[in-house]
Amino acid sequence: MAAWRSRKGFTLMEVAVSAVLIGILAAATVPTLSEFVETRDAESTAKTLATIANGVAAFKTAVVAGAAGTNVYPKNISYLTNAITATSLSSCGTTYSAVGPTTNLVANWTANAPFVPFYIQGGGTSALATPLGIIQDAMIRSGTTAVVGTLAIQMLAIDSMDAVRLERVIDGDDATGANLTTGLLRITFNGSGTAARTADIQYVMPVANKC
């Protein structure tokens, strides 16, 4: 009776088949993982933009300048975490000290700040980093003489595909046609066709008081 022999190792054919299967699984998994990361980055950036917008609204409600009780929006998002002064600007481009006593203004800011749960860098054009790019410090005010205008948080020269993903997360549609200029997110592609590799975006907030 022949002795039983244990089999050791794998044949060349088995190794080759295993390598092919691993390659197929890897090819199917990598794009899915990449899409997951890209969507997560867009969702994280959208959450940051919404948090800043809520902070701006809270700032306007809480920070009263002067005895007359005038509430005005900040020019820069860094005012949400960095103390305002006599030279700080409102969204209309005027100094807060022109609205009322600076002492009242600073006291109101100190009592309510910070208005967002993270620190925002001030003193320059770029204020806050996100997975998709840099949020600018200064916001854009439109409709300065209208009863209802807009105040927009802006990000410049982000990847165009990231802008499209952000549009899907924030407004729930693709960045085409009228969708580019409606909803909360407004997109301007830099260039056309294959040259449109980057885009400028504005996260828009309606504002109820005119300058």
C-alpha atoms as a PDB file:
ATOM      1  CA  MET A   1       0.000   0.000   0.000  1.00  0.00           C
ATOM      2  CA  ALA A   2       1.536   3.284  -1.115  1.00  0.00           C
ATOM      3  CA  ALA A   3       2.184   5.898   1.538  1.00  0.00           C
ATOM      4  CA  TRP A   4      -0.061   9.051   1.460  1.00  0.00           C
ATOM      5  CA  ARG A   5       1.793  12.148   0.350  1.00  0.00           C
ATOM      6  CA  SER A   6       0.709  15.657   1.297  1.00  0.00           C
ATOM      7  CA  ARG A   7       0.584  18.226  -1.473  1.00  0.00           C
ATOM      8  CA  LYS A   8       2.758  21.309  -0.951  1.00  0.00           C
ATOM      9  CA  GLY A   9       2.562  24.662  -2.785  1.00  0.00           C
ATOM     10  CA  PHE A  10       0.553  25.710  -5.833  1.00  0.00           C
ATOM     11  CA  THR A  11       0.948  24.932  -9.491  1.00  0.00           C
ATOM     12  CA  LEU A  12       1.927  27.650 -11.923  1.00  0.00           C
ATOM     13  CA  MET A  13      -1.563  27.530 -13.414  1.00  0.00           C
ATOM     14  CA  GLU A  14      -3.197  28.082 -10.021  1.00  0.00           C
ATOM     15  CA  VAL A  15      -0.947  31.059  -9.319  1.00  0.00           C
ATOM     16  CA  ALA A  16      -1.726  32.573 -12.725  1.00  0.00           C
ATOM     17  CA  VAL A  17      -5.491  32.163 -12.277  1.00  0.00           C
ATOM     18  CA  SER A  18      -5.316  33.701  -8.794  1.00  0.00           C
ATOM     19  CA  ALA A  19      -3.338  36.682 -10.120  1.00  0.00           C
ATOM     20  CA  VAL A  20      -5.924  37.283 -12.846  1.00  0.00           C
ATOM     21  CA  LEU A  21      -8.793  37.134 -10.352  1.00  0.00           C
ATOM     22  CA  ILE A  22      -7.032  39.528  -7.976  1.00  0.00           C
ATOM     23  CA  GLY A  23      -6.427  41.930 -10.868  1.00  0.00           C
ATOM     24  CA  ILE A  24     -10.100  41.847 -11.862  1.00  0.00           C
ATOM     25  CA  LEU A  25     -11.235  42.488  -8.285  1.00  0.00           C
ATOM     26  CA  ALA A  26      -8.741  45.340  -7.892  1.00  0.00           C
ATOM     27  CA  ALA A  27      -9.878  46.972 -11.137  1.00  0.00           C
ATOM     28  CA  ALA A  28     -13.491  46.818  -9.983  1.00  0.00           C
ATOM     29  CA  THR A  29     -12.735  48.113  -6.482  1.00  0.00           C
ATOM     30  CA  VAL A  30     -10.405  51.057  -7.180  1.00  0.00           C
ATOM     31  CA  PRO A  31     -12.914  53.233  -9.113  1.00  0.00           C
ATOM     32  CA  THR A  32     -15.556  52.598  -6.445  1.00  0.00           C
ATOM     33  CA  LEU A  33     -13.145  53.610  -3.689  1.00  0.00           C
ATOM     34  CA  SER A  34     -12.096  56.687  -5.660  1.00  0.00           C
ATOM     35  CA  GLU A  35     -15.711  57.750  -6.178  1.00  0.00           C
ATOM     36  CA  PHE A  36     -16.415  57.250  -2.474  1.00  0.00           C
ATOM     37  CA  VAL A  37     -13.502  59.503  -1.478  1.00  0.00           C
ATOM     38  CA  GLU A  38     -14.466  62.193  -4.025  1.00  0.00           C
ATOM     39  CA  THR A  39     -18.089  62.213  -2.842  1.00  0.00           C
ATOM     40  CA  ARG A  40     -16.982  62.344   0.789  1.00  0.00           C
ATOM     41  CA  ASP A  41     -14.730  65.346   0.040  1.00  0.00           C
ATOM     42  CA  ALA A  42     -17.617  67.137  -1.695  1.00  0.00           C
ATOM     43  CA  GLU A  43     -19.928  66.430   1.248  1.00  0.00           C
ATOM     44  CA  SER A  44     -17.311  67.695   3.713  1.00  0.00           C
ATOM     45  CA  THR A  45     -16.833  70.925   1.743  1.00  0.00           C
ATOM     46  CA  ALA A  46     -20.597  71.423   1.427  1.00  0.00           C
ATOM     47  CA  LYS A  47     -20.961  71.027   5.197  1.00  0.00           C
ATOM     48  CA  THR A  48     -18.240  73.635   5.804  1.00  0.00           C
ATOM     49  CA  LEU A  49     -19.910  76.117   3.430  1.00  0.00           C
ATOM     50  CA  ALA A  50     -23.282  75.608   5.123  1.00  0.00           C
ATOM     51  CA  THR A  51     -21.697  76.048   8.568  1.00  0.00           C
ATOM     52  CA  ILE A  52     -20.119  79.348   7.500  1.00  0.00           C
ATOM     53  CA  ALA A  53     -23.440  80.538   6.044  1.00  0.00           C
ATOM     54  CA  ASN A  54     -25.175  79.752   9.335  1.00  0.00           C
ATOM     55  CA  GLY A  55     -22.395  81.560  11.186  1.00  0.00           C
ATOM     56  CA  VAL A  56     -22.817  84.657   9.013  1.00  0.00           C
ATOM     57  CA  ALA A  57     -26.563  84.689   9.740  1.00  0.00           C
ATOM     58  CA  ALA A  58     -25.905  84.278  13.466  1.00  0.00           C
ATOM     59  CA  PHE A  59     -23.326  87.092  13.368  1.00  0.00           C
ATOM     60  CA  LYS A  60     -25.827  89.446  11.758  1.00  0.00           C
ATOM     61  CA  THR A  61     -28.481  88.600  14.346  1.00  0.00           C
ATOM     62  CA  ALA A  62     -26.200  88.815  17.382  1.00  0.00           C
ATOM     63  CA  VAL A  63     -23.787  91.651  16.629  1.00  0.00           C
ATOM     64  CA  VAL A  64     -25.646  94.907  17.102  1.00  0.00           C
ATOM     65  CA  ALA A  65     -23.698  98.057  16.341  1.00  0.00           C
ATOM     66  CA  GLY A  66     -24.719 101.251  18.066  1.00  0.00           C
ATOM     67  CA  ALA A  67     -27.541 102.354  20.318  1.00  0.00           C
ATOM     68  CA  ALA A  68     -30.027 102.251  17.414  1.00  0.00           C
ATOM     69  CA  GLY A  69     -29.610  98.482  17.194  1.00  0.00           C
ATOM     70  CA  THR A  70     -28.324  98.240  13.626  1.00  0.00           C
ATOM     71  CA  ASN A  71     -27.464  94.713  12.517  1.00  0.00           C
ATOM     72  CA  VAL A  72     -25.090  94.337   9.582  1.00  0.00           C
ATOM     73  CA  TYR A  73     -23.397  91.396   7.867  1.00  0.00           C
ATOM     74  CA  PRO A  74     -19.612  90.899   8.000  1.00  0.00           C
ATOM     75  CA  LYS A  75     -17.467  91.527   4.936  1.00  0.00           C
ATOM     76  CA  ASN A  76     -15.059  88.688   5.744  1.00  0.00           C
ATOM     77  CA  ILE A  77     -15.757  85.208   7.050  1.00  0.00           C
ATOM     78  CA  SER A  78     -12.739  85.535   9.367  1.00  0.00           C
ATOM     79  CA  TYR A  79     -14.828  87.953  11.470  1.00  0.00           C
ATOM     80  CA  LEU A  80     -16.721  84.875  12.647  1.00  0.00           C
ATOM     81  CA  THR A  81     -13.729  83.833  14.758  1.00  0.00           C
ATOM     82  CA  ASN A  82     -11.398  86.868  14.749  1.00  0.00           C
ATOM     83  CA  ALA A  83     -12.336  89.930  16.803  1.00  0.00           C
ATOM     84  CA  ILE A  84     -13.701  92.852  14.822  1.00  0.00           C
ATOM     85  CA  THR A  85     -12.279  96.348  15.250  1.00  0.00           C
ATOM     86  CA  ALA A  86     -13.046  99.917  14.247  1.00  0.00           C
ATOM     87  CA  THR A  87     -11.545  99.211  10.815  1.00  0.00           C
ATOM     88  CA  SER A  88     -13.489  95.984  10.131  1.00  0.00           C
ATOM     89  CA  LEU A  89     -15.872  96.213   7.186  1.00  0.00           C
ATOM     90  CA  SER A  90     -19.513  95.308   6.832  1.00  0.00           C
ATOM     91  CA  SER A  91     -20.719  93.472   3.737  1.00  0.00           C
ATOM     92  CA  CYS A  92     -21.530  96.874   2.245  1.00  0.00           C
ATOM     93  CA  GLY A  93     -17.880  97.908   2.490  1.00  0.00           C
ATOM     94  CA  THR A  94     -18.296 100.459   5.298  1.00  0.00           C
ATOM     95  CA  THR A  95     -16.573 100.348   8.663  1.00  0.00           C
ATOM     96  CA  TYR A  96     -18.597  99.178  11.645  1.00  0.00           C
ATOM     97  CA  SER A  97     -17.438 102.218  13.599  1.00  0.00           C
ATOM     98  CA  ALA A  98     -19.447 104.378  11.185  1.00  0.00           C
ATOM     99  CA  VAL A  99     -22.606 102.512  12.211  1.00  0.00           C
ATOM    100  CA  GLY A 100     -22.312 103.020  15.945  1.00  0.00           C
ATOM    101  CA  PRO A 101     -20.020 103.145  18.976  1.00  0.00           C
ATOM    102  CA  THR A 102     -17.156 100.697  18.599  1.00  0.00           C
ATOM    103  CA  THR A 103     -17.360  99.769  22.282  1.00  0.00           C
ATOM    104  CA  ASN A 104     -20.909  98.434  21.845  1.00  0.00           C
ATOM    105  CA  LEU A 105     -19.899  96.584  18.709  1.00  0.00           C
ATOM    106  CA  VAL A 106     -16.909  94.835  20.282  1.00  0.00           C
ATOM    107  CA  ALA A 107     -18.912  93.947  23.383  1.00  0.00           C
ATOM    108  CA  ASN A 108     -21.639  92.330  21.283  1.00  0.00           C
ATOM    109  CA  TRP A 109     -19.084  90.378  19.252  1.00  0.00           C
ATOM    110  CA  THR A 110     -17.245  89.178  22.365  1.00  0.00           C
ATOM    111  CA  ALA A 111     -20.452  88.009  24.035  1.00  0.00           C
ATOM    112  CA  ASN A 112     -21.492  85.822  21.090  1.00  0.00           C
ATOM    113  CA  ALA A 113     -18.313  84.742  19.262  1.00  0.00           C
ATOM    114  CA  PRO A 114     -17.157  82.442  17.848  1.00  0.00           C
ATOM    115  CA  PHE A 115     -19.912  81.854  15.314  1.00  0.00           C
ATOM    116  CA  VAL A 116     -18.478  78.661  13.793  1.00  0.00           C
ATOM    117  CA  PRO A 117     -16.883  75.632  15.504  1.00  0.00           C
ATOM    118  CA  PHE A 118     -13.522  76.024  13.730  1.00  0.00           C
ATOM    119  CA  TYR A 119     -10.907  78.752  13.386  1.00  0.00           C
ATOM    120  CA  ILE A 120     -10.836  80.864  10.227  1.00  0.00           C
ATOM    121  CA  GLN A 121      -7.539  82.445   9.178  1.00  0.00           C
ATOM    122  CA  GLY A 122      -7.772  86.201   8.645  1.00  0.00           C
ATOM    123  CA  GLY A 123      -5.546  88.912   7.220  1.00  0.00           C
ATOM    124  CA  GLY A 124      -5.426  87.694   3.615  1.00  0.00           C
ATOM    125  CA  THR A 125      -7.515  86.588   0.667  1.00  0.00           C
ATOM    126  CA  SER A 126      -7.467  82.881   1.538  1.00  0.00           C
ATOM    127  CA  ALA A 127      -9.116  81.975   4.807  1.00  0.00           C
ATOM    128  CA  LEU A 128     -10.068  78.314   5.135  1.00  0.00           C
ATOM    129  CA  ALA A 129      -8.913  75.093   3.485  1.00  0.00           C
ATOM    130  CA  THR A 130     -11.363  72.362   2.446  1.00  0.00           C
ATOM    131  CA  PRO A 131     -10.799  69.023   0.673  1.00  0.00           C
ATOM    132  CA  LEU A 132     -11.770  70.688  -2.621  1.00  0.00           C
ATOM    133  CA  GLY A 133      -9.882  73.967  -2.289  1.00  0.00           C
ATOM    134  CA  ILE A 134      -9.587  77.263  -0.417  1.00  0.00           C
ATOM    135  CA  ILE A 135     -12.519  79.352   0.763  1.00  0.00           C
ATOM    136  CA  GLN A 136     -11.797  83.054   0.300  1.00  0.00           C
ATOM    137  CA  ASP A 137     -11.982  85.432   3.253  1.00  0.00           C
ATOM    138  CA  ALA A 138     -13.952  88.251   1.605  1.00  0.00           C
ATOM    139  CA  MET A 139     -17.527  87.544   0.595  1.00  0.00           C
ATOM    140  CA  ILE A 140     -19.257  89.052  -2.452  1.00  0.00           C
ATOM    141  CA  ARG A 141     -22.276  91.334  -1.925  1.00  0.00           C
ATOM    142  CA  SER A 142     -24.766  91.820  -4.767  1.00  0.00           C
ATOM    143  CA  GLY A 143     -27.869  93.966  -4.903  1.00  0.00           C
ATOM    144  CA  THR A 144     -26.560  96.599  -2.503  1.00  0.00           C
ATOM    145  CA  THR A 145     -29.543  98.883  -3.112  1.00  0.00           C
ATOM    146  CA  ALA A 146     -32.192  96.162  -3.265  1.00  0.00           C
ATOM    147  CA  VAL A 147     -34.371  95.201  -0.323  1.00  0.00           C
ATOM    148  CA  VAL A 148     -33.269  91.591  -0.865  1.00  0.00           C
ATOM    149  CA  GLY A 149     -29.813  90.917  -2.267  1.00  0.00           C
ATOM    150  CA  THR A 150     -27.238  88.156  -1.946  1.00  0.00           C
ATOM    151  CA  LEU A 151     -24.058  87.556  -0.025  1.00  0.00           C
ATOM    152  CA  ALA A 152     -21.807  84.827  -1.410  1.00  0.00           C
ATOM    153  CA  ILE A 153     -18.989  82.732   0.024  1.00  0.00           C
ATOM    154  CA  GLN A 154     -16.474  82.053  -2.743  1.00  0.00           C
ATOM    155  CA  MET A 155     -13.904  79.461  -3.774  1.00  0.00           C
ATOM    156  CA  LEU A 156     -11.659  80.157  -6.762  1.00  0.00           C
ATOM    157  CA  ALA A 157     -10.039  77.851  -9.327  1.00  0.00           C
ATOM    158  CA  ILE A 158     -11.150  74.523  -7.908  1.00  0.00           C
ATOM    159  CA  ASP A 159     -11.159  71.423 -10.111  1.00  0.00           C
ATOM    160  CA  SER A 160     -14.141  71.558 -12.483  1.00  0.00           C
ATOM    161  CA  MET A 161     -15.192  67.989 -11.681  1.00  0.00           C
ATOM    162  CA  ASP A 162     -15.098  68.826  -7.989  1.00  0.00           C
ATOM    163  CA  ALA A 163     -17.409  71.755  -8.720  1.00  0.00           C
ATOM    164  CA  VAL A 164     -19.841  69.391 -10.452  1.00  0.00           C
ATOM    165  CA  ARG A 165     -19.751  66.989  -7.494  1.00  0.00           C
ATOM    166  CA  LEU A 166     -20.351  69.876  -5.115  1.00  0.00           C
ATOM    167  CA  GLU A 167     -23.346  70.950  -7.211  1.00  0.00           C
ATOM    168  CA  ARG A 168     -24.819  67.461  -6.904  1.00  0.00           C
ATOM    169  CA  VAL A 169     -24.376  67.451  -3.134  1.00  0.00           C
ATOM    170  CA  ILE A 170     -25.660  70.983  -2.485  1.00  0.00           C
ATOM    171  CA  ASP A 171     -28.373  71.492  -5.118  1.00  0.00           C
ATOM    172  CA  GLY A 172     -29.034  67.899  -6.150  1.00  0.00           C
ATOM    173  CA  ASP A 173     -28.509  68.444  -9.873  1.00  0.00           C
ATOM    174  CA  ASP A 174     -25.775  68.546 -12.522  1.00  0.00           C
ATOM    175  CA  ALA A 175     -23.795  71.700 -13.248  1.00  0.00           C
ATOM    176  CA  THR A 176     -25.282  72.376 -16.671  1.00  0.00           C
ATOM    177  CA  GLY A 177     -27.478  75.041 -18.246  1.00  0.00           C
ATOM    178  CA  ALA A 178     -29.619  77.056 -15.849  1.00  0.00           C
ATOM    179  CA  ASN A 179     -28.334  75.007 -12.910  1.00  0.00           C
ATOM    180  CA  LEU A 180     -25.076  76.967 -13.098  1.00  0.00           C
ATOM    181  CA  THR A 181     -26.758  80.191 -11.971  1.00  0.00           C
ATOM    182  CA  THR A 182     -29.600  78.943  -9.759  1.00  0.00           C
ATOM    183  CA  GLY A 183     -29.811  77.291  -6.365  1.00  0.00           C
ATOM    184  CA  LEU A 184     -27.389  77.783  -3.509  1.00  0.00           C
ATOM    185  CA  LEU A 185     -24.272  77.026  -5.577  1.00  0.00           C
ATOM    186  CA  ARG A 186     -23.317  79.168  -8.594  1.00  0.00           C
ATOM    187  CA  ILE A 187     -20.545  77.940 -10.900  1.00  0.00           C
ATOM    188  CA  THR A 188     -18.389  79.761 -13.456  1.00  0.00           C
ATOM    189  CA  PHE A 189     -16.125  77.469 -15.490  1.00  0.00           C
ATOM    190  CA  ASN A 190     -12.768  78.975 -16.427  1.00  0.00           C
ATOM    191  CA  GLY A 191     -12.453  78.461 -20.186  1.00  0.00           C
ATOM    192  CA  SER A 192     -14.563  76.256 -22.440  1.00  0.00           C
ATOM    193  CA  GLY A 193     -14.477  72.686 -23.727  1.00  0.00           C
ATOM    194  CA  THR A 194     -11.385  70.796 -22.641  1.00  0.00           C
ATOM    195  CA  ALA A 195      -9.913  74.066 -21.359  1.00  0.00           C
ATOM    196  CA  ALA A 196     -12.539  74.232 -18.586  1.00  0.00           C
ATOM    197  CA  ARG A 197     -10.308  72.462 -16.089  1.00  0.00           C
ATOM    198  CA  THR A 198     -11.093  74.779 -13.155  1.00  0.00           C
ATOM    199  CA  ALA A 199     -14.134  76.624 -11.903  1.00  0.00           C
ATOM    200  CA  ASP A 200     -14.986  79.473  -9.526  1.00  0.00           C
ATOM    201  CA  ILE A 201     -17.932  78.857  -7.222  1.00  0.00           C
ATOM    202  CA  GLN A 202     -20.159  81.000  -5.041  1.00  0.00           C
ATOM    203  CA  TYR A 203     -22.295  79.665  -2.204  1.00  0.00           C
ATOM    204  CA  VAL A 204     -25.128  82.178  -2.135  1.00  0.00           C
ATOM    205  CA  MET A 205     -27.102  83.449   0.854  1.00  0.00           C
ATOM    206  CA  PRO A 206     -30.109  85.779   0.466  1.00  0.00           C
ATOM    207  CA  VAL A 207     -29.757  88.928   2.605  1.00  0.00           C
ATOM    208  CA  ALA A 208     -32.717  90.986   3.690  1.00  0.00           C
ATOM    209  CA  ASN A 209     -31.226  94.400   4.366  1.00  0.00           C
ATOM    210  CA  LYS A 210     -29.814  96.835   1.853  1.00  0.00           C
ATOM    211  CA  CYS A 211     -26.690  98.941   2.252  1.00  0.00           C
END
